[in-house]
Amino acid sequence: MILNQNTHLISILGLSGIGKTTLVKRFIDLHQQKFDAIVWRSLKFPQSLDLLLDDLLKHHKLDSLPTINDKLKQLFDILKNQKCLIILDDLQNIFIPSQFAGKYQPEYQDYQTLFKMITETHHQSSVILISQEQCPEMECLDEELYPIKSLKLSGLDNPEIFKNTGLKNEDSWLKLIKLYEGNLFYLKSISILIHKNYDGQVTDFLAEDTLHITNQMQSHFQDIFNRLSSPEQEIVLELSKFENPISREELRQSLNLSSVDFNNCLQSLQQRYLITKIKEDKILFKLSPVFQEYVRNYC
């Protein structure tokens, strides 16, 4: 996307722990010599765009830049003259918690200007957004018309990821990976439990035929659940009751939500990658299985 298609703005998306940051770090390891500068900034504790621009420009000898527009102009002068790669990790933290996905907190609204300029201004650089939620600009823009791409990660399915972990019963590793959706965070947490409680014996763990939710995973899912809006929580709780995917009509029958709220919730939960849409004879929806197990037992 970056090296061959000259894509300026890329979203790396998926559930927390799926391997988004790991993938981008690996890309940098392989290709860092192809960029004049690489800048990685975490938004785990986000800062205003004004402060972010000060940070990005601090190594350049610049005149006093009193406004955000001046700083943006200076940044894009650099992006035009040098091939830079900027990574913004944990982008979802600039969005409002307990609201539908992708709504900016007022103090971070200016980020929209940055993302818009990245797609509309001529330059030779790229920005990678790592997020659990798609930003609204990327939802609205057509990838055929703008230099943007979105890459949703769905988990790994290669048993090689357990090499050198000390886990036993190699022929059972793929089953364990599928059980935990190929999510690197889930697998790391559950492999520690298997080491401590089952002496690394994967077959003994799987023989219990139970989807264990570790303490670490519980804390992780609690943060995700608390970030949802109230109607989203209502839909998640209802969906968790069903073993099989259900239709939109079936789901709505058991909820006291307006058509607008219901549809906005479904869209938002898909933007958070907590709900999967399945196309069969009719459209069906299901929760992420591991998250569903958490919701059933702890919410």
Protein backbone atom coordinates (compact mmCIF):
# COMPACT_ATOMS: atom_id res chain seq x y z
CA MET A 1 0.00 0.00 0.00
CA ILE A 2 2.72 2.48 0.95
CA LEU A 3 5.66 1.47 -1.19
CA ASN A 4 3.86 0.36 -4.35
CA GLN A 5 0.61 2.34 -4.35
CA ASN A 6 1.81 5.58 -2.72
CA THR A 7 -1.09 5.50 -0.24
CA HIS A 8 -1.03 8.55 2.03
CA LEU A 9 -3.46 7.52 4.78
CA ILE A 10 -3.85 3.96 6.05
CA SER A 11 -6.03 2.65 8.87
CA ILE A 12 -4.92 -0.58 10.57
CA LEU A 13 -8.05 -1.78 12.35
CA GLY A 14 -9.31 -4.58 14.55
CA LEU A 15 -9.99 -5.73 18.07
CA SER A 16 -7.54 -4.78 20.77
CA GLY A 17 -4.76 -7.36 20.95
CA ILE A 18 -5.23 -8.65 17.39
CA GLY A 19 -1.69 -7.61 16.37
CA LYS A 20 -2.11 -4.17 14.74
CA THR A 21 0.87 -2.54 16.43
CA THR A 22 3.01 -5.67 15.98
CA LEU A 23 2.30 -5.68 12.24
CA VAL A 24 3.28 -2.02 11.80
CA LYS A 25 6.46 -2.49 13.85
CA ARG A 26 7.39 -5.42 11.63
CA PHE A 27 6.81 -3.32 8.50
CA ILE A 28 9.15 -0.66 9.89
CA ASP A 29 11.81 -3.26 10.72
CA LEU A 30 11.76 -4.42 7.10
CA HIS A 31 11.55 -1.05 5.34
CA GLN A 32 12.89 1.72 7.58
CA GLN A 33 15.72 2.51 5.16
CA LYS A 34 13.16 3.56 2.54
CA PHE A 35 12.04 6.60 4.59
CA ASP A 36 13.85 9.83 5.40
CA ALA A 37 12.11 9.97 8.77
CA ILE A 38 9.81 7.74 10.83
CA VAL A 39 7.82 9.16 13.74
CA TRP A 40 5.69 7.00 16.05
CA ARG A 41 3.35 8.64 18.54
CA SER A 42 0.97 6.87 20.92
CA LEU A 43 -2.38 8.46 21.66
CA LYS A 44 -2.97 6.26 24.67
CA PHE A 45 -2.98 9.54 26.59
CA PRO A 46 -3.93 11.84 23.71
CA GLN A 47 -2.76 15.38 23.23
CA SER A 48 -4.28 18.20 21.23
CA LEU A 49 -3.34 18.53 17.58
CA ASP A 50 -1.54 21.77 18.46
CA LEU A 51 0.77 19.95 20.91
CA LEU A 52 1.21 17.02 18.52
CA LEU A 53 2.37 19.41 15.79
CA ASP A 54 4.82 21.04 18.21
CA ASP A 55 6.15 17.56 18.94
CA LEU A 56 6.43 16.60 15.26
CA LEU A 57 8.21 19.85 14.38
CA LYS A 58 10.51 20.14 17.39
CA HIS A 59 13.63 18.88 15.57
CA HIS A 60 13.29 21.44 12.78
CA LYS A 61 14.62 24.95 13.06
CA LEU A 62 11.47 26.91 12.51
CA ASP A 63 10.32 30.44 13.02
CA SER A 64 7.66 31.10 15.61
CA LEU A 65 4.44 29.45 14.42
CA PRO A 66 1.55 31.03 16.25
CA THR A 67 -1.39 29.14 14.73
CA ILE A 68 -2.28 25.55 13.96
CA ASN A 69 -2.65 26.44 10.29
CA ASP A 70 0.93 27.76 10.21
CA LYS A 71 2.18 24.58 11.85
CA LEU A 72 0.21 22.39 9.44
CA LYS A 73 1.66 24.28 6.49
CA GLN A 74 5.18 23.77 7.84
CA LEU A 75 4.52 20.07 8.45
CA PHE A 76 3.27 19.55 4.91
CA ASP A 77 6.25 21.40 3.48
CA ILE A 78 8.38 18.74 5.19
CA LEU A 79 6.11 15.89 4.00
CA LYS A 80 6.45 17.17 0.42
CA ASN A 81 10.24 17.43 0.50
CA GLN A 82 11.00 14.25 2.45
CA LYS A 83 9.50 10.76 2.41
CA CYS A 84 8.21 10.49 5.96
CA LEU A 85 6.17 7.89 7.78
CA ILE A 86 4.04 9.00 10.73
CA ILE A 87 2.30 6.42 12.90
CA LEU A 88 -0.48 7.40 15.32
CA ASP A 89 -1.27 4.47 17.62
CA ASP A 90 -4.40 4.02 19.81
CA LEU A 91 -6.32 6.54 17.72
CA GLN A 92 -9.63 5.46 19.34
CA ASN A 93 -8.68 7.48 22.42
CA ILE A 94 -9.45 10.76 20.65
CA PHE A 95 -13.07 9.60 20.27
CA ILE A 96 -15.77 10.05 22.92
CA PRO A 97 -16.23 7.04 25.22
CA SER A 98 -19.80 5.83 25.91
CA GLN A 99 -20.91 7.24 22.55
CA PHE A 100 -21.20 5.67 19.11
CA ALA A 101 -17.86 4.78 17.51
CA GLY A 102 -15.82 7.47 15.77
CA LYS A 103 -17.20 10.63 17.41
CA TYR A 104 -14.40 13.07 18.18
CA GLN A 105 -13.96 14.55 21.61
CA PRO A 106 -14.30 18.35 21.18
CA GLU A 107 -10.68 19.03 22.14
CA TYR A 108 -9.46 16.65 19.39
CA GLN A 109 -11.78 17.78 16.60
CA ASP A 110 -8.83 19.45 14.84
CA TYR A 111 -7.44 16.02 13.94
CA GLN A 112 -10.07 15.97 11.19
CA THR A 113 -8.22 18.84 9.51
CA LEU A 114 -4.95 16.89 9.60
CA PHE A 115 -6.50 13.73 8.13
CA LYS A 116 -8.29 15.73 5.44
CA MET A 117 -5.07 17.49 4.43
CA ILE A 118 -3.20 14.18 4.27
CA THR A 119 -5.67 12.91 1.66
CA GLU A 120 -6.08 16.14 -0.31
CA THR A 121 -2.58 17.68 -0.31
CA HIS A 122 0.15 16.62 -2.72
CA HIS A 123 3.13 15.11 -0.84
CA GLN A 124 5.29 11.96 -0.78
CA SER A 125 4.70 10.78 2.79
CA SER A 126 2.30 8.42 4.57
CA VAL A 127 0.39 8.33 7.84
CA ILE A 128 -0.71 5.09 9.51
CA LEU A 129 -3.60 5.20 11.97
CA ILE A 130 -3.76 2.23 14.37
CA SER A 131 -7.19 2.01 15.96
CA GLN A 132 -9.95 -0.13 17.42
CA GLU A 133 -12.45 2.21 15.72
CA GLN A 134 -12.48 3.51 12.16
CA CYS A 135 -12.28 7.29 11.94
CA PRO A 136 -15.29 8.83 10.16
CA GLU A 137 -13.17 10.39 7.39
CA MET A 138 -12.07 6.94 6.27
CA GLU A 139 -15.67 5.67 6.34
CA CYS A 140 -16.85 8.46 4.04
CA LEU A 141 -14.03 8.67 1.49
CA ASP A 142 -13.89 6.41 -1.56
CA GLU A 143 -10.65 4.42 -1.81
CA GLU A 144 -10.95 4.60 -5.61
CA LEU A 145 -10.80 8.40 -5.53
CA TYR A 146 -8.49 9.15 -2.58
CA PRO A 147 -5.03 7.81 -1.57
CA ILE A 148 -6.43 5.89 1.40
CA LYS A 149 -6.65 2.25 2.42
CA SER A 150 -8.13 0.38 5.38
CA LEU A 151 -6.75 -2.95 6.55
CA LYS A 152 -8.85 -4.90 9.04
CA LEU A 153 -6.93 -7.60 10.91
CA SER A 154 -8.82 -10.78 11.70
CA GLY A 155 -6.23 -12.72 13.66
CA LEU A 156 -3.46 -15.20 12.84
CA ASP A 157 -4.01 -18.88 12.11
CA ASN A 158 -0.42 -20.15 11.93
CA PRO A 159 0.71 -22.53 14.72
CA GLU A 160 4.25 -21.18 14.26
CA ILE A 161 3.33 -18.34 16.66
CA PHE A 162 3.64 -20.87 19.53
CA LYS A 163 7.19 -21.88 18.60
CA ASN A 164 9.62 -21.34 21.50
CA THR A 165 6.76 -20.73 23.99
CA GLY A 166 7.21 -24.08 25.71
CA LEU A 167 3.65 -25.21 25.01
CA LYS A 168 3.28 -28.95 24.39
CA ASN A 169 1.05 -31.04 22.06
CA GLU A 170 1.90 -29.20 18.86
CA ASP A 171 -0.88 -30.96 16.93
CA SER A 172 -3.42 -29.16 19.16
CA TRP A 173 -2.04 -25.63 18.71
CA LEU A 174 -4.22 -24.77 15.71
CA LYS A 175 -7.37 -25.74 17.64
CA LEU A 176 -6.31 -23.45 20.49
CA ILE A 177 -5.63 -20.62 18.03
CA LYS A 178 -9.08 -20.97 16.45
CA LEU A 179 -10.75 -21.12 19.86
CA TYR A 180 -9.26 -17.74 20.73
CA GLU A 181 -9.80 -16.20 17.27
CA GLY A 182 -6.09 -15.88 16.49
CA ASN A 183 -5.92 -12.86 18.79
CA LEU A 184 -2.34 -12.45 20.01
CA PHE A 185 -3.38 -10.92 23.34
CA TYR A 186 -5.87 -13.70 24.13
CA LEU A 187 -3.35 -16.37 23.11
CA LYS A 188 -0.54 -14.89 25.17
CA SER A 189 -2.80 -14.68 28.22
CA ILE A 190 -4.20 -18.20 27.84
CA SER A 191 -0.77 -19.73 27.14
CA ILE A 192 0.46 -18.36 30.49
CA LEU A 193 -2.54 -19.99 32.19
CA ILE A 194 -1.83 -23.31 30.42
CA HIS A 195 1.80 -23.16 31.57
CA LYS A 196 0.89 -22.45 35.18
CA ASN A 197 -2.13 -24.74 35.61
CA TYR A 198 -1.61 -27.50 33.01
CA ASP A 199 2.20 -27.67 32.84
CA GLY A 200 1.98 -26.54 29.21
CA GLN A 201 -0.26 -29.45 28.17
CA VAL A 202 -2.59 -27.95 25.55
CA THR A 203 -4.59 -31.19 25.16
CA ASP A 204 -5.40 -31.24 28.89
CA PHE A 205 -6.63 -27.67 28.68
CA LEU A 206 -8.75 -28.30 25.58
CA ALA A 207 -10.21 -31.49 27.09
CA GLU A 208 -12.19 -29.34 29.54
CA ASP A 209 -14.12 -27.96 26.55
CA THR A 210 -14.43 -24.55 28.19
CA LEU A 211 -13.64 -21.10 26.84
CA HIS A 212 -11.60 -19.77 29.75
CA ILE A 213 -11.56 -16.01 30.27
CA THR A 214 -8.42 -15.15 32.23
CA ASN A 215 -8.23 -12.35 34.80
CA GLN A 216 -6.15 -10.31 32.35
CA MET A 217 -8.76 -10.80 29.63
CA GLN A 218 -11.58 -9.84 32.01
CA SER A 219 -9.94 -6.51 32.74
CA HIS A 220 -9.34 -5.99 29.03
CA PHE A 221 -12.98 -6.71 28.11
CA GLN A 222 -14.32 -4.58 30.95
CA ASP A 223 -12.58 -1.56 29.42
CA ILE A 224 -14.09 -2.38 26.02
CA PHE A 225 -17.61 -2.89 27.43
CA ASN A 226 -17.44 0.33 29.45
CA ARG A 227 -16.49 2.26 26.33
CA LEU A 228 -19.78 1.32 24.63
CA SER A 229 -22.84 3.56 24.64
CA SER A 230 -25.82 2.35 26.70
CA PRO A 231 -27.84 1.15 23.68
CA GLU A 232 -24.76 -0.65 22.33
CA GLN A 233 -24.41 -2.42 25.68
CA GLU A 234 -28.07 -3.38 25.45
CA ILE A 235 -27.58 -4.95 22.02
CA VAL A 236 -24.41 -6.75 23.12
CA LEU A 237 -26.18 -8.21 26.16
CA GLU A 238 -29.06 -9.40 24.00
CA LEU A 239 -26.83 -10.88 21.31
CA SER A 240 -24.84 -12.77 23.94
CA LYS A 241 -27.90 -14.91 24.71
CA PHE A 242 -27.89 -16.55 21.28
CA GLU A 243 -25.67 -19.48 20.36
CA ASN A 244 -26.07 -18.90 16.62
CA PRO A 245 -26.03 -15.74 14.50
CA ILE A 246 -29.42 -14.02 14.29
CA SER A 247 -31.08 -11.66 11.85
CA ARG A 248 -31.48 -7.94 12.35
CA GLU A 249 -35.26 -8.40 12.63
CA GLU A 250 -34.99 -11.09 15.32
CA LEU A 251 -32.57 -9.01 17.32
CA ARG A 252 -34.65 -5.87 17.16
CA GLN A 253 -37.82 -7.62 18.35
CA SER A 254 -36.39 -8.10 21.83
CA LEU A 255 -35.06 -4.55 22.21
CA ASN A 256 -36.81 -1.34 23.14
CA LEU A 257 -34.87 0.87 20.72
CA SER A 258 -36.02 3.15 17.93
CA SER A 259 -35.17 2.12 14.39
CA VAL A 260 -32.61 4.95 14.17
CA ASP A 261 -30.87 4.07 17.45
CA PHE A 262 -30.91 0.36 16.61
CA ASN A 263 -29.30 0.84 13.19
CA ASN A 264 -26.76 3.33 14.50
CA CYS A 265 -25.82 0.85 17.24
CA LEU A 266 -25.35 -2.01 14.78
CA GLN A 267 -23.16 0.17 12.59
CA SER A 268 -21.12 1.39 15.56
CA LEU A 269 -20.54 -2.12 16.93
CA GLN A 270 -19.29 -3.21 13.51
CA GLN A 271 -16.95 -0.21 13.44
CA ARG A 272 -15.57 -1.47 16.77
CA TYR A 273 -15.16 -5.00 15.33
CA LEU A 274 -17.24 -6.52 18.14
CA ILE A 275 -20.04 -7.68 15.82
CA THR A 276 -19.58 -9.63 12.60
CA LYS A 277 -22.05 -9.47 9.72
CA ILE A 278 -22.65 -12.79 7.95
CA LYS A 279 -24.19 -12.92 4.47
CA GLU A 280 -26.29 -16.04 3.93
CA ASP A 281 -29.91 -16.26 2.68
CA LYS A 282 -30.38 -13.17 4.80
CA ILE A 283 -28.03 -10.91 6.74
CA LEU A 284 -27.10 -12.30 10.18
CA PHE A 285 -25.10 -10.85 13.05
CA LYS A 286 -22.98 -12.42 15.77
CA LEU A 287 -20.73 -11.30 18.58
CA SER A 288 -17.03 -12.01 18.68
CA PRO A 289 -17.08 -15.44 20.46
CA VAL A 290 -14.52 -14.69 23.19
CA PHE A 291 -16.11 -11.32 23.95
CA GLN A 292 -19.51 -13.06 23.99
CA GLU A 293 -18.27 -15.48 26.64
CA TYR A 294 -17.09 -12.56 28.76
CA VAL A 295 -20.42 -10.72 28.40
CA ARG A 296 -22.42 -13.82 29.35
CA ASN A 297 -20.46 -14.42 32.51
CA TYR A 298 -19.39 -11.01 33.77
CA CYS A 299 -21.81 -8.33 32.50
